[in-house]
Amino acid sequence: MYKTMTTLVLAGALLPLAACVEDTGSAGAPAVGSSSDLSSFVGARAGQAEMGIINLGYELIRTEGLTAFWFNRSTGACARITTSNGRYSDVTMLPAEDC
């Protein structure tokens, strides 16, 4: 009986916590950047930030050494991102025609 009471007490204590879910907006959208500006990605780890850029609607257009050009077709935004030591060292937004 003691084990059953303990289980019920614990279940009762945890039940209210199950409803406490924070809504952080769109599940796929990263916390930084936007569909028209990626400059806040400076300093981000390249391997981890790449999915965030893709989730914002960008696609990799081309690379030149450690520099990648990303384009968002829906907004017309173009970003030139340079990687150094595994991190984005420079993010420059460019005119669409530069992509």
C-alpha atoms as a PDB file:
ATOM      1  CA  MET A   1       0.000   0.000   0.000  1.00  0.00           C
ATOM      2  CA  TYR A   2       2.874   2.381   0.846  1.00  0.00           C
ATOM      3  CA  LYS A   3       4.360   1.889  -2.644  1.00  0.00           C
ATOM      4  CA  THR A   4       0.989   2.645  -4.270  1.00  0.00           C
ATOM      5  CA  MET A   5       0.574   5.843  -2.199  1.00  0.00           C
ATOM      6  CA  THR A   6       4.078   6.998  -3.121  1.00  0.00           C
ATOM      7  CA  THR A   7       3.365   6.400  -6.808  1.00  0.00           C
ATOM      8  CA  LEU A   8       0.111   8.348  -6.620  1.00  0.00           C
ATOM      9  CA  VAL A   9       1.756  11.244  -4.789  1.00  0.00           C
ATOM     10  CA  LEU A  10       4.592  11.404  -7.325  1.00  0.00           C
ATOM     11  CA  ALA A  11       2.192  11.164 -10.261  1.00  0.00           C
ATOM     12  CA  GLY A  12       0.068  13.930  -8.754  1.00  0.00           C
ATOM     13  CA  ALA A  13       3.126  16.128  -8.276  1.00  0.00           C
ATOM     14  CA  LEU A  14       4.376  15.615 -11.837  1.00  0.00           C
ATOM     15  CA  LEU A  15       1.037  15.920 -13.624  1.00  0.00           C
ATOM     16  CA  PRO A  16       0.885  19.741 -13.450  1.00  0.00           C
ATOM     17  CA  LEU A  17       4.415  19.913 -14.875  1.00  0.00           C
ATOM     18  CA  ALA A  18       3.362  17.996 -17.972  1.00  0.00           C
ATOM     19  CA  ALA A  19       1.266  20.975 -19.075  1.00  0.00           C
ATOM     20  CA  CYS A  20       4.154  23.425 -18.682  1.00  0.00           C
ATOM     21  CA  VAL A  21       5.530  23.448 -22.216  1.00  0.00           C
ATOM     22  CA  GLU A  22       7.130  26.617 -23.505  1.00  0.00           C
ATOM     23  CA  ASP A  23       6.044  27.622 -26.993  1.00  0.00           C
ATOM     24  CA  THR A  24       9.153  28.906 -28.767  1.00  0.00           C
ATOM     25  CA  GLY A  25       7.462  29.640 -32.073  1.00  0.00           C
ATOM     26  CA  SER A  26       8.286  27.764 -35.233  1.00  0.00           C
ATOM     27  CA  ALA A  27       9.995  24.469 -34.476  1.00  0.00           C
ATOM     28  CA  GLY A  28      12.372  24.688 -37.442  1.00  0.00           C
ATOM     29  CA  ALA A  29      13.372  28.350 -37.150  1.00  0.00           C
ATOM     30  CA  PRO A  30      16.647  29.040 -35.383  1.00  0.00           C
ATOM     31  CA  ALA A  31      16.877  31.580 -32.548  1.00  0.00           C
ATOM     32  CA  VAL A  32      19.202  33.831 -34.568  1.00  0.00           C
ATOM     33  CA  GLY A  33      19.116  35.249 -38.051  1.00  0.00           C
ATOM     34  CA  SER A  34      16.208  35.933 -40.344  1.00  0.00           C
ATOM     35  CA  SER A  35      15.156  35.116 -43.871  1.00  0.00           C
ATOM     36  CA  SER A  36      16.701  38.422 -44.997  1.00  0.00           C
ATOM     37  CA  ASP A  37      19.737  38.850 -42.696  1.00  0.00           C
ATOM     38  CA  LEU A  38      22.245  36.263 -41.476  1.00  0.00           C
ATOM     39  CA  SER A  39      24.749  38.677 -39.896  1.00  0.00           C
ATOM     40  CA  SER A  40      23.940  37.398 -36.395  1.00  0.00           C
ATOM     41  CA  PHE A  41      25.551  34.067 -37.352  1.00  0.00           C
ATOM     42  CA  VAL A  42      29.063  35.593 -37.013  1.00  0.00           C
ATOM     43  CA  GLY A  43      30.972  33.451 -34.517  1.00  0.00           C
ATOM     44  CA  ALA A  44      28.638  30.465 -34.860  1.00  0.00           C
ATOM     45  CA  ARG A  45      30.099  26.996 -35.336  1.00  0.00           C
ATOM     46  CA  ALA A  46      29.846  26.316 -39.043  1.00  0.00           C
ATOM     47  CA  GLY A  47      28.668  22.710 -38.830  1.00  0.00           C
ATOM     48  CA  GLN A  48      25.924  23.483 -36.335  1.00  0.00           C
ATOM     49  CA  ALA A  49      24.737  26.762 -37.881  1.00  0.00           C
ATOM     50  CA  GLU A  50      24.328  25.389 -41.396  1.00  0.00           C
ATOM     51  CA  MET A  51      21.010  23.707 -40.608  1.00  0.00           C
ATOM     52  CA  GLY A  52      19.771  26.968 -39.099  1.00  0.00           C
ATOM     53  CA  ILE A  53      20.556  28.781 -42.334  1.00  0.00           C
ATOM     54  CA  ILE A  54      18.757  26.102 -44.341  1.00  0.00           C
ATOM     55  CA  ASN A  55      15.751  26.332 -42.002  1.00  0.00           C
ATOM     56  CA  LEU A  56      15.565  30.063 -42.747  1.00  0.00           C
ATOM     57  CA  GLY A  57      15.049  29.217 -46.414  1.00  0.00           C
ATOM     58  CA  TYR A  58      18.580  29.656 -47.755  1.00  0.00           C
ATOM     59  CA  GLU A  59      20.296  27.317 -50.178  1.00  0.00           C
ATOM     60  CA  LEU A  60      23.998  27.007 -50.830  1.00  0.00           C
ATOM     61  CA  ILE A  61      24.700  28.471 -54.274  1.00  0.00           C
ATOM     62  CA  ARG A  62      28.475  28.115 -54.531  1.00  0.00           C
ATOM     63  CA  THR A  63      31.718  28.035 -52.567  1.00  0.00           C
ATOM     64  CA  GLU A  64      35.079  29.689 -53.158  1.00  0.00           C
ATOM     65  CA  GLY A  65      37.582  28.126 -50.775  1.00  0.00           C
ATOM     66  CA  LEU A  66      36.294  28.800 -47.240  1.00  0.00           C
ATOM     67  CA  THR A  67      33.681  31.274 -48.473  1.00  0.00           C
ATOM     68  CA  ALA A  68      30.123  30.139 -49.170  1.00  0.00           C
ATOM     69  CA  PHE A  69      27.357  32.044 -50.932  1.00  0.00           C
ATOM     70  CA  TRP A  70      23.825  31.413 -49.658  1.00  0.00           C
ATOM     71  CA  PHE A  71      20.636  32.590 -51.380  1.00  0.00           C
ATOM     72  CA  ASN A  72      17.042  32.787 -50.186  1.00  0.00           C
ATOM     73  CA  ARG A  73      14.778  32.621 -53.241  1.00  0.00           C
ATOM     74  CA  SER A  74      11.667  33.764 -51.394  1.00  0.00           C
ATOM     75  CA  THR A  75      13.247  36.984 -50.045  1.00  0.00           C
ATOM     76  CA  GLY A  76      15.989  37.541 -52.629  1.00  0.00           C
ATOM     77  CA  ALA A  77      18.570  37.768 -49.828  1.00  0.00           C
ATOM     78  CA  CYS A  78      22.163  36.748 -50.552  1.00  0.00           C
ATOM     79  CA  ALA A  79      24.834  36.114 -47.922  1.00  0.00           C
ATOM     80  CA  ARG A  80      28.569  35.599 -48.273  1.00  0.00           C
ATOM     81  CA  ILE A  81      29.841  33.602 -45.292  1.00  0.00           C
ATOM     82  CA  THR A  82      33.519  33.030 -44.595  1.00  0.00           C
ATOM     83  CA  THR A  83      34.633  30.247 -42.254  1.00  0.00           C
ATOM     84  CA  SER A  84      37.793  30.364 -40.147  1.00  0.00           C
ATOM     85  CA  ASN A  85      38.802  27.793 -37.523  1.00  0.00           C
ATOM     86  CA  GLY A  86      35.418  26.081 -37.856  1.00  0.00           C
ATOM     87  CA  ARG A  87      33.377  29.214 -37.140  1.00  0.00           C
ATOM     88  CA  TYR A  88      31.693  31.831 -39.274  1.00  0.00           C
ATOM     89  CA  SER A  89      34.211  34.677 -39.134  1.00  0.00           C
ATOM     90  CA  ASP A  90      32.439  37.012 -41.556  1.00  0.00           C
ATOM     91  CA  VAL A  91      28.840  37.241 -42.760  1.00  0.00           C
ATOM     92  CA  THR A  92      28.080  39.884 -45.371  1.00  0.00           C
ATOM     93  CA  MET A  93      24.671  40.428 -46.924  1.00  0.00           C
ATOM     94  CA  LEU A  94      24.999  41.116 -50.657  1.00  0.00           C
ATOM     95  CA  PRO A  95      22.705  42.110 -53.522  1.00  0.00           C
ATOM     96  CA  ALA A  96      20.815  39.140 -55.000  1.00  0.00           C
ATOM     97  CA  GLU A  97      22.742  39.323 -58.262  1.00  0.00           C
ATOM     98  CA  ASP A  98      25.992  38.554 -56.400  1.00  0.00           C
ATOM     99  CA  CYS A  99      24.744  35.086 -55.605  1.00  0.00           C
END
